[in-house]
Amino acid sequence: LGVQAPLGFFDPIGYSKDGSAENFNRRRQSEIKHGRIAMMAAMGYITPEVAGKLPGYCSFSMNLKFADIPNGLAAISKVPAAGWAQILAYMAWCEISQDQSAGSPGAKGDFGFKVLTAKDQAGLTKKLNSELANGRLAMMAIIGMFFQDGLTGS
């Protein structure tokens, strides 16, 4: 899983030279998790530009509407501390609400939410490879968006 054309098995830094299956599996699990987060981040970065922002207030006490929050990195300084606390609390809940210890389904990225299904193993492998490839692309995409926004402000 994950060995894809045109590069095949790609390990330019040599992380897998030690031959440890446990280390490889932990890195693959991290790759899946970071890829999923990057896919959501890339969509979250683009969506307000395309679909618009939510109506209403982000903070009633500060009289701050969602429409007043800029897109991209400029939003970091505009979101109130309570908003960041909520985001961090949700991130912590996502991390600790599932058993992700070695050997558990959660460690393999299986949290019981079956989106990628197939009738046969070949179809499932194709979909899982697509998830890995899309996650890898999303990781590069969100970093590119951050750099563009940081350099140009848009």
N, C-alpha and C. Protein backbone atom coordinates (compact mmCIF):
# COMPACT_ATOMS: atom_id res chain seq x y z
N LEU A 1 0.85 -1.17 0.00
CA LEU A 1 0.00 0.00 0.00
C LEU A 1 0.89 1.23 0.00
N GLY A 2 0.62 2.14 -0.91
CA GLY A 2 1.37 3.38 -0.97
C GLY A 2 2.50 3.40 -1.98
N VAL A 3 2.88 2.23 -2.52
CA VAL A 3 3.91 2.18 -3.56
C VAL A 3 3.21 2.45 -4.88
N GLN A 4 3.44 3.64 -5.45
CA GLN A 4 2.67 4.06 -6.61
C GLN A 4 3.58 4.57 -7.72
N ALA A 5 3.10 4.41 -8.94
CA ALA A 5 3.81 4.93 -10.11
C ALA A 5 3.78 6.45 -10.03
N PRO A 6 4.71 7.18 -10.55
CA PRO A 6 5.85 6.71 -11.32
C PRO A 6 7.08 6.43 -10.45
N LEU A 7 7.02 6.75 -9.14
CA LEU A 7 8.22 6.63 -8.31
C LEU A 7 8.42 5.25 -7.71
N GLY A 8 7.33 4.48 -7.56
CA GLY A 8 7.46 3.20 -6.87
C GLY A 8 7.70 3.43 -5.40
N PHE A 9 8.57 2.63 -4.80
CA PHE A 9 8.90 2.81 -3.39
C PHE A 9 9.84 4.00 -3.27
N PHE A 10 9.40 5.05 -2.59
CA PHE A 10 10.14 6.31 -2.55
C PHE A 10 10.53 6.61 -1.10
N ASP A 11 11.81 6.53 -0.82
CA ASP A 11 12.34 6.81 0.52
C ASP A 11 13.71 7.47 0.38
N PRO A 12 13.74 8.73 -0.10
CA PRO A 12 15.02 9.36 -0.39
C PRO A 12 15.88 9.62 0.84
N ILE A 13 15.28 9.76 2.00
CA ILE A 13 16.04 10.05 3.21
C ILE A 13 16.48 8.77 3.91
N GLY A 14 15.88 7.65 3.56
CA GLY A 14 16.27 6.37 4.12
C GLY A 14 15.64 6.04 5.46
N TYR A 15 14.42 6.49 5.69
CA TYR A 15 13.74 6.20 6.95
C TYR A 15 13.53 4.71 7.17
N SER A 16 13.37 3.95 6.10
CA SER A 16 13.05 2.53 6.25
C SER A 16 14.29 1.63 6.19
N LYS A 17 15.47 2.20 6.19
CA LYS A 17 16.69 1.39 6.11
C LYS A 17 16.87 0.45 7.30
N ASP A 18 16.32 0.84 8.46
CA ASP A 18 16.48 -0.01 9.64
C ASP A 18 15.67 -1.31 9.54
N GLY A 19 14.72 -1.38 8.60
CA GLY A 19 13.95 -2.60 8.38
C GLY A 19 12.89 -2.87 9.44
N SER A 20 12.63 -1.93 10.31
CA SER A 20 11.66 -2.13 11.39
C SER A 20 10.24 -1.95 10.86
N ALA A 21 9.46 -3.02 10.89
CA ALA A 21 8.06 -2.95 10.44
C ALA A 21 7.26 -2.06 11.38
N GLU A 22 7.59 -2.09 12.66
CA GLU A 22 6.88 -1.26 13.64
C GLU A 22 7.07 0.22 13.35
N ASN A 23 8.31 0.62 13.08
CA ASN A 23 8.59 2.02 12.75
C ASN A 23 7.92 2.42 11.44
N PHE A 24 7.96 1.53 10.45
CA PHE A 24 7.33 1.83 9.17
C PHE A 24 5.82 2.02 9.35
N ASN A 25 5.19 1.12 10.11
CA ASN A 25 3.75 1.22 10.33
C ASN A 25 3.38 2.51 11.07
N ARG A 26 4.19 2.89 12.06
CA ARG A 26 3.93 4.13 12.79
C ARG A 26 4.04 5.33 11.85
N ARG A 27 5.03 5.32 10.99
CA ARG A 27 5.18 6.43 10.03
C ARG A 27 4.04 6.45 9.02
N ARG A 28 3.60 5.28 8.59
CA ARG A 28 2.48 5.21 7.65
C ARG A 28 1.21 5.72 8.31
N GLN A 29 0.99 5.35 9.57
CA GLN A 29 -0.19 5.83 10.29
C GLN A 29 -0.15 7.35 10.44
N SER A 30 1.04 7.88 10.69
CA SER A 30 1.18 9.34 10.78
C SER A 30 0.93 9.99 9.43
N GLU A 31 1.39 9.34 8.37
CA GLU A 31 1.16 9.88 7.02
C GLU A 31 -0.33 9.92 6.70
N ILE A 32 -1.05 8.87 7.06
CA ILE A 32 -2.49 8.85 6.81
C ILE A 32 -3.18 9.96 7.60
N LYS A 33 -2.83 10.08 8.89
CA LYS A 33 -3.46 11.10 9.74
C LYS A 33 -3.16 12.50 9.22
N HIS A 34 -1.88 12.78 8.92
CA HIS A 34 -1.52 14.11 8.44
C HIS A 34 -2.12 14.39 7.07
N GLY A 35 -2.22 13.36 6.24
CA GLY A 35 -2.86 13.54 4.94
C GLY A 35 -4.32 13.91 5.08
N ARG A 36 -5.03 13.25 5.99
CA ARG A 36 -6.44 13.57 6.22
C ARG A 36 -6.60 14.99 6.75
N ILE A 37 -5.75 15.37 7.67
CA ILE A 37 -5.82 16.73 8.22
C ILE A 37 -5.52 17.74 7.11
N ALA A 38 -4.53 17.46 6.29
CA ALA A 38 -4.17 18.37 5.19
C ALA A 38 -5.29 18.49 4.17
N MET A 39 -5.99 17.39 3.89
CA MET A 39 -7.12 17.46 2.96
C MET A 39 -8.20 18.38 3.52
N MET A 40 -8.48 18.25 4.81
CA MET A 40 -9.49 19.14 5.43
C MET A 40 -8.99 20.58 5.46
N ALA A 41 -7.71 20.77 5.75
CA ALA A 41 -7.14 22.12 5.81
C ALA A 41 -7.20 22.79 4.44
N ALA A 42 -6.85 22.05 3.40
CA ALA A 42 -6.88 22.63 2.05
C ALA A 42 -8.30 23.03 1.67
N MET A 43 -9.26 22.19 2.00
CA MET A 43 -10.65 22.54 1.70
C MET A 43 -11.09 23.73 2.55
N GLY A 44 -10.68 23.76 3.81
CA GLY A 44 -11.04 24.87 4.67
C GLY A 44 -10.41 26.18 4.24
N TYR A 45 -9.27 26.10 3.60
CA TYR A 45 -8.58 27.29 3.12
C TYR A 45 -9.28 27.86 1.88
N ILE A 46 -9.79 26.96 1.05
CA ILE A 46 -10.39 27.36 -0.23
C ILE A 46 -11.87 27.71 -0.10
N THR A 47 -12.60 26.97 0.72
CA THR A 47 -14.06 27.07 0.78
C THR A 47 -14.58 28.48 1.03
N PRO A 48 -14.05 29.26 2.00
CA PRO A 48 -14.60 30.61 2.19
C PRO A 48 -14.45 31.50 0.95
N GLU A 49 -13.41 31.27 0.17
CA GLU A 49 -13.22 32.05 -1.05
C GLU A 49 -14.27 31.70 -2.11
N VAL A 50 -14.63 30.43 -2.17
CA VAL A 50 -15.52 29.95 -3.22
C VAL A 50 -16.99 30.04 -2.80
N ALA A 51 -17.29 29.55 -1.60
CA ALA A 51 -18.68 29.42 -1.18
C ALA A 51 -19.14 30.55 -0.27
N GLY A 52 -18.24 31.38 0.18
CA GLY A 52 -18.62 32.45 1.11
C GLY A 52 -18.46 31.99 2.55
N LYS A 53 -18.72 32.91 3.44
CA LYS A 53 -18.54 32.64 4.87
C LYS A 53 -19.88 32.42 5.54
N LEU A 54 -19.81 31.83 6.72
CA LEU A 54 -21.02 31.58 7.48
C LEU A 54 -21.67 32.90 7.88
N PRO A 55 -23.00 32.94 7.92
CA PRO A 55 -23.65 34.14 8.42
C PRO A 55 -23.55 34.17 9.95
N GLY A 56 -23.71 35.31 10.52
CA GLY A 56 -23.76 35.40 11.97
C GLY A 56 -22.44 35.83 12.58
N TYR A 57 -22.38 35.62 13.89
CA TYR A 57 -21.26 36.12 14.69
C TYR A 57 -20.32 35.01 15.11
N CYS A 58 -19.04 35.31 15.05
CA CYS A 58 -18.01 34.44 15.62
C CYS A 58 -17.91 34.72 17.12
N SER A 59 -18.08 35.99 17.49
CA SER A 59 -18.05 36.40 18.90
C SER A 59 -19.04 37.55 19.10
N PHE A 60 -20.09 37.28 19.87
CA PHE A 60 -21.07 38.34 20.17
C PHE A 60 -20.43 39.43 21.02
N SER A 61 -19.64 39.03 22.02
CA SER A 61 -19.07 40.01 22.96
C SER A 61 -18.11 40.97 22.27
N MET A 62 -17.46 40.51 21.21
CA MET A 62 -16.52 41.37 20.48
C MET A 62 -17.15 41.98 19.23
N ASN A 63 -18.44 41.66 19.02
CA ASN A 63 -19.17 42.13 17.84
C ASN A 63 -18.41 41.75 16.55
N LEU A 64 -17.91 40.51 16.55
CA LEU A 64 -17.10 40.02 15.43
C LEU A 64 -17.89 39.02 14.61
N LYS A 65 -18.20 39.40 13.38
CA LYS A 65 -18.93 38.52 12.47
C LYS A 65 -17.95 37.64 11.71
N PHE A 66 -18.42 36.48 11.24
CA PHE A 66 -17.58 35.60 10.42
C PHE A 66 -17.11 36.34 9.17
N ALA A 67 -17.97 37.19 8.63
CA ALA A 67 -17.61 37.94 7.42
C ALA A 67 -16.46 38.91 7.66
N ASP A 68 -16.24 39.30 8.94
CA ASP A 68 -15.17 40.25 9.26
C ASP A 68 -13.80 39.58 9.39
N ILE A 69 -13.79 38.25 9.45
CA ILE A 69 -12.53 37.53 9.60
C ILE A 69 -11.94 37.30 8.21
N PRO A 70 -10.72 37.74 7.98
CA PRO A 70 -10.11 37.56 6.65
C PRO A 70 -9.78 36.09 6.39
N ASN A 71 -9.58 35.78 5.15
CA ASN A 71 -9.18 34.43 4.78
C ASN A 71 -7.68 34.27 4.98
N GLY A 72 -7.26 33.02 5.08
CA GLY A 72 -5.85 32.71 5.12
C GLY A 72 -5.20 32.99 6.45
N LEU A 73 -3.90 33.25 6.40
CA LEU A 73 -3.11 33.43 7.61
C LEU A 73 -3.50 34.68 8.40
N ALA A 74 -4.10 35.65 7.75
CA ALA A 74 -4.52 36.87 8.44
C ALA A 74 -5.60 36.58 9.48
N ALA A 75 -6.29 35.46 9.34
CA ALA A 75 -7.35 35.10 10.29
C ALA A 75 -6.79 34.73 11.66
N ILE A 76 -5.53 34.32 11.70
CA ILE A 76 -4.94 33.86 12.97
C ILE A 76 -5.03 34.94 14.04
N SER A 77 -4.75 36.17 13.68
CA SER A 77 -4.77 37.24 14.67
C SER A 77 -6.17 37.78 14.94
N LYS A 78 -7.13 37.44 14.13
CA LYS A 78 -8.49 37.98 14.29
C LYS A 78 -9.40 37.09 15.12
N VAL A 79 -9.14 35.77 15.13
CA VAL A 79 -10.00 34.85 15.88
C VAL A 79 -9.72 35.05 17.37
N PRO A 80 -10.77 35.21 18.18
CA PRO A 80 -10.58 35.43 19.62
C PRO A 80 -9.93 34.22 20.30
N ALA A 81 -9.32 34.47 21.45
CA ALA A 81 -8.65 33.40 22.21
C ALA A 81 -9.61 32.27 22.55
N ALA A 82 -10.87 32.60 22.85
CA ALA A 82 -11.85 31.55 23.16
C ALA A 82 -12.08 30.65 21.94
N GLY A 83 -12.02 31.22 20.76
CA GLY A 83 -12.16 30.43 19.54
C GLY A 83 -11.01 29.46 19.37
N TRP A 84 -9.79 29.95 19.63
CA TRP A 84 -8.62 29.07 19.55
C TRP A 84 -8.68 27.99 20.60
N ALA A 85 -9.19 28.35 21.79
CA ALA A 85 -9.34 27.34 22.86
C ALA A 85 -10.30 26.24 22.43
N GLN A 86 -11.38 26.61 21.75
CA GLN A 86 -12.34 25.61 21.27
C GLN A 86 -11.69 24.72 20.22
N ILE A 87 -10.92 25.31 19.33
CA ILE A 87 -10.24 24.52 18.28
C ILE A 87 -9.26 23.54 18.92
N LEU A 88 -8.47 24.02 19.87
CA LEU A 88 -7.50 23.14 20.55
C LEU A 88 -8.19 22.06 21.36
N ALA A 89 -9.31 22.38 21.99
CA ALA A 89 -10.06 21.37 22.75
C ALA A 89 -10.59 20.29 21.82
N TYR A 90 -11.08 20.68 20.66
CA TYR A 90 -11.58 19.70 19.70
C TYR A 90 -10.44 18.82 19.19
N MET A 91 -9.29 19.43 18.92
CA MET A 91 -8.13 18.64 18.46
C MET A 91 -7.74 17.63 19.53
N ALA A 92 -7.72 18.06 20.78
CA ALA A 92 -7.36 17.14 21.88
C ALA A 92 -8.38 16.02 21.99
N TRP A 93 -9.66 16.34 21.87
CA TRP A 93 -10.70 15.31 21.92
C TRP A 93 -10.50 14.29 20.80
N CYS A 94 -10.19 14.76 19.60
CA CYS A 94 -9.96 13.84 18.48
C CYS A 94 -8.79 12.90 18.76
N GLU A 95 -7.78 13.41 19.44
CA GLU A 95 -6.60 12.60 19.73
C GLU A 95 -6.85 11.57 20.82
N ILE A 96 -7.60 11.93 21.85
CA ILE A 96 -7.72 11.04 23.01
C ILE A 96 -9.02 10.25 23.05
N SER A 97 -9.97 10.54 22.17
CA SER A 97 -11.26 9.85 22.23
C SER A 97 -11.22 8.46 21.61
N GLN A 98 -10.18 8.12 20.90
CA GLN A 98 -10.05 6.82 20.25
C GLN A 98 -8.78 6.14 20.72
N ASP A 99 -8.86 4.82 20.84
CA ASP A 99 -7.65 4.04 21.17
C ASP A 99 -6.77 3.99 19.93
N GLN A 100 -5.62 4.63 20.01
CA GLN A 100 -4.70 4.65 18.88
C GLN A 100 -3.39 3.94 19.23
N SER A 101 -3.46 3.07 20.24
CA SER A 101 -2.25 2.34 20.63
C SER A 101 -1.88 1.33 19.53
N ALA A 102 -0.62 0.94 19.52
CA ALA A 102 -0.11 0.03 18.49
C ALA A 102 -0.96 -1.23 18.42
N GLY A 103 -1.33 -1.61 17.22
CA GLY A 103 -2.11 -2.82 17.00
C GLY A 103 -3.62 -2.60 17.02
N SER A 104 -4.08 -1.45 17.45
CA SER A 104 -5.51 -1.19 17.49
C SER A 104 -5.99 -0.70 16.12
N PRO A 105 -7.30 -0.83 15.83
CA PRO A 105 -7.81 -0.31 14.56
C PRO A 105 -7.55 1.19 14.40
N GLY A 106 -7.64 1.94 15.51
CA GLY A 106 -7.39 3.39 15.45
C GLY A 106 -5.97 3.72 15.03
N ALA A 107 -5.02 2.88 15.40
CA ALA A 107 -3.64 3.11 15.00
C ALA A 107 -3.47 2.98 13.50
N LYS A 108 -4.35 2.23 12.87
CA LYS A 108 -4.28 2.05 11.41
C LYS A 108 -5.15 3.06 10.68
N GLY A 109 -5.75 3.99 11.42
CA GLY A 109 -6.61 5.00 10.79
C GLY A 109 -8.04 4.58 10.66
N ASP A 110 -8.42 3.45 11.26
CA ASP A 110 -9.80 2.95 11.19
C ASP A 110 -10.53 3.37 12.46
N PHE A 111 -11.39 4.37 12.33
CA PHE A 111 -12.14 4.87 13.48
C PHE A 111 -13.61 4.48 13.41
N GLY A 112 -13.93 3.46 12.62
CA GLY A 112 -15.30 2.97 12.55
C GLY A 112 -16.19 3.75 11.61
N PHE A 113 -15.66 4.75 10.94
CA PHE A 113 -16.42 5.56 9.99
C PHE A 113 -16.03 5.09 8.60
N LYS A 114 -16.83 4.18 8.06
CA LYS A 114 -16.47 3.49 6.82
C LYS A 114 -16.90 4.29 5.59
N VAL A 115 -15.99 5.12 5.13
CA VAL A 115 -16.22 5.87 3.90
C VAL A 115 -15.64 5.12 2.71
N LEU A 116 -14.44 4.58 2.90
CA LEU A 116 -13.78 3.85 1.83
C LEU A 116 -14.11 2.37 1.96
N THR A 117 -15.06 1.93 1.14
CA THR A 117 -15.45 0.52 1.14
C THR A 117 -15.39 0.00 -0.28
N ALA A 118 -15.30 -1.31 -0.40
CA ALA A 118 -15.29 -1.95 -1.71
C ALA A 118 -15.73 -3.40 -1.54
N LYS A 119 -16.18 -3.98 -2.63
CA LYS A 119 -16.65 -5.36 -2.58
C LYS A 119 -15.50 -6.36 -2.58
N ASP A 120 -14.35 -5.94 -3.10
CA ASP A 120 -13.20 -6.85 -3.16
C ASP A 120 -11.95 -6.14 -2.63
N GLN A 121 -10.95 -6.92 -2.31
CA GLN A 121 -9.72 -6.36 -1.74
C GLN A 121 -8.99 -5.45 -2.73
N ALA A 122 -9.01 -5.79 -4.01
CA ALA A 122 -8.33 -4.97 -5.01
C ALA A 122 -8.96 -3.58 -5.09
N GLY A 123 -10.27 -3.52 -5.02
CA GLY A 123 -10.96 -2.23 -5.06
C GLY A 123 -10.66 -1.40 -3.82
N LEU A 124 -10.61 -2.06 -2.66
CA LEU A 124 -10.30 -1.36 -1.42
C LEU A 124 -8.87 -0.84 -1.43
N THR A 125 -7.93 -1.66 -1.91
CA THR A 125 -6.53 -1.24 -2.01
C THR A 125 -6.40 -0.02 -2.92
N LYS A 126 -7.13 -0.02 -4.03
CA LYS A 126 -7.09 1.12 -4.94
C LYS A 126 -7.58 2.39 -4.25
N LYS A 127 -8.66 2.27 -3.49
CA LYS A 127 -9.20 3.44 -2.80
C LYS A 127 -8.26 3.92 -1.69
N LEU A 128 -7.66 2.99 -0.96
CA LEU A 128 -6.72 3.37 0.09
C LEU A 128 -5.47 4.03 -0.50
N ASN A 129 -5.00 3.52 -1.63
CA ASN A 129 -3.87 4.15 -2.32
C ASN A 129 -4.24 5.56 -2.79
N SER A 130 -5.48 5.72 -3.25
CA SER A 130 -5.95 7.05 -3.67
C SER A 130 -5.97 8.00 -2.48
N GLU A 131 -6.40 7.49 -1.32
CA GLU A 131 -6.41 8.33 -0.12
C GLU A 131 -4.99 8.77 0.24
N LEU A 132 -4.04 7.85 0.17
CA LEU A 132 -2.64 8.21 0.45
C LEU A 132 -2.12 9.25 -0.54
N ALA A 133 -2.39 9.03 -1.83
CA ALA A 133 -1.91 9.96 -2.86
C ALA A 133 -2.55 11.33 -2.68
N ASN A 134 -3.86 11.36 -2.42
CA ASN A 134 -4.54 12.64 -2.22
C ASN A 134 -4.05 13.33 -0.96
N GLY A 135 -3.77 12.55 0.09
CA GLY A 135 -3.22 13.13 1.32
C GLY A 135 -1.85 13.73 1.09
N ARG A 136 -1.02 13.03 0.32
CA ARG A 136 0.32 13.56 0.01
C ARG A 136 0.21 14.86 -0.79
N LEU A 137 -0.69 14.87 -1.75
CA LEU A 137 -0.91 16.08 -2.54
C LEU A 137 -1.43 17.21 -1.66
N ALA A 138 -2.36 16.90 -0.76
CA ALA A 138 -2.93 17.93 0.10
C ALA A 138 -1.88 18.51 1.04
N MET A 139 -0.96 17.67 1.52
CA MET A 139 0.10 18.19 2.39
C MET A 139 0.95 19.21 1.64
N MET A 140 1.27 18.91 0.39
CA MET A 140 2.03 19.87 -0.42
C MET A 140 1.19 21.10 -0.74
N ALA A 141 -0.10 20.88 -1.01
CA ALA A 141 -0.99 21.99 -1.38
C ALA A 141 -1.15 22.98 -0.24
N ILE A 142 -1.40 22.50 0.98
CA ILE A 142 -1.63 23.43 2.08
C ILE A 142 -0.35 24.19 2.42
N ILE A 143 0.79 23.52 2.32
CA ILE A 143 2.05 24.24 2.54
C ILE A 143 2.24 25.31 1.46
N GLY A 144 1.92 24.99 0.22
CA GLY A 144 2.00 25.97 -0.86
C GLY A 144 1.08 27.15 -0.63
N MET A 145 -0.14 26.86 -0.13
CA MET A 145 -1.08 27.95 0.16
C MET A 145 -0.55 28.84 1.28
N PHE A 146 0.04 28.22 2.31
CA PHE A 146 0.63 29.01 3.40
C PHE A 146 1.75 29.91 2.89
N PHE A 147 2.63 29.35 2.07
CA PHE A 147 3.75 30.14 1.54
C PHE A 147 3.24 31.28 0.65
N GLN A 148 2.28 30.98 -0.22
CA GLN A 148 1.75 32.02 -1.09
C GLN A 148 1.13 33.13 -0.26
N ASP A 149 0.33 32.76 0.71
CA ASP A 149 -0.33 33.76 1.55
C ASP A 149 0.69 34.55 2.36
N GLY A 150 1.71 33.86 2.87
CA GLY A 150 2.74 34.55 3.65
C GLY A 150 3.57 35.50 2.81
N LEU A 151 3.82 35.15 1.56
CA LEU A 151 4.65 36.00 0.70
C LEU A 151 3.86 37.13 0.05
N THR A 152 2.63 36.82 -0.37
CA THR A 152 1.85 37.81 -1.13
C THR A 152 0.71 38.41 -0.34
N GLY A 153 0.30 37.75 0.74
CA GLY A 153 -0.82 38.26 1.51
C GLY A 153 -2.17 37.92 0.92
N SER A 154 -2.16 37.07 -0.11
CA SER A 154 -3.46 36.68 -0.70
C SER A 154 -3.44 35.20 -1.07
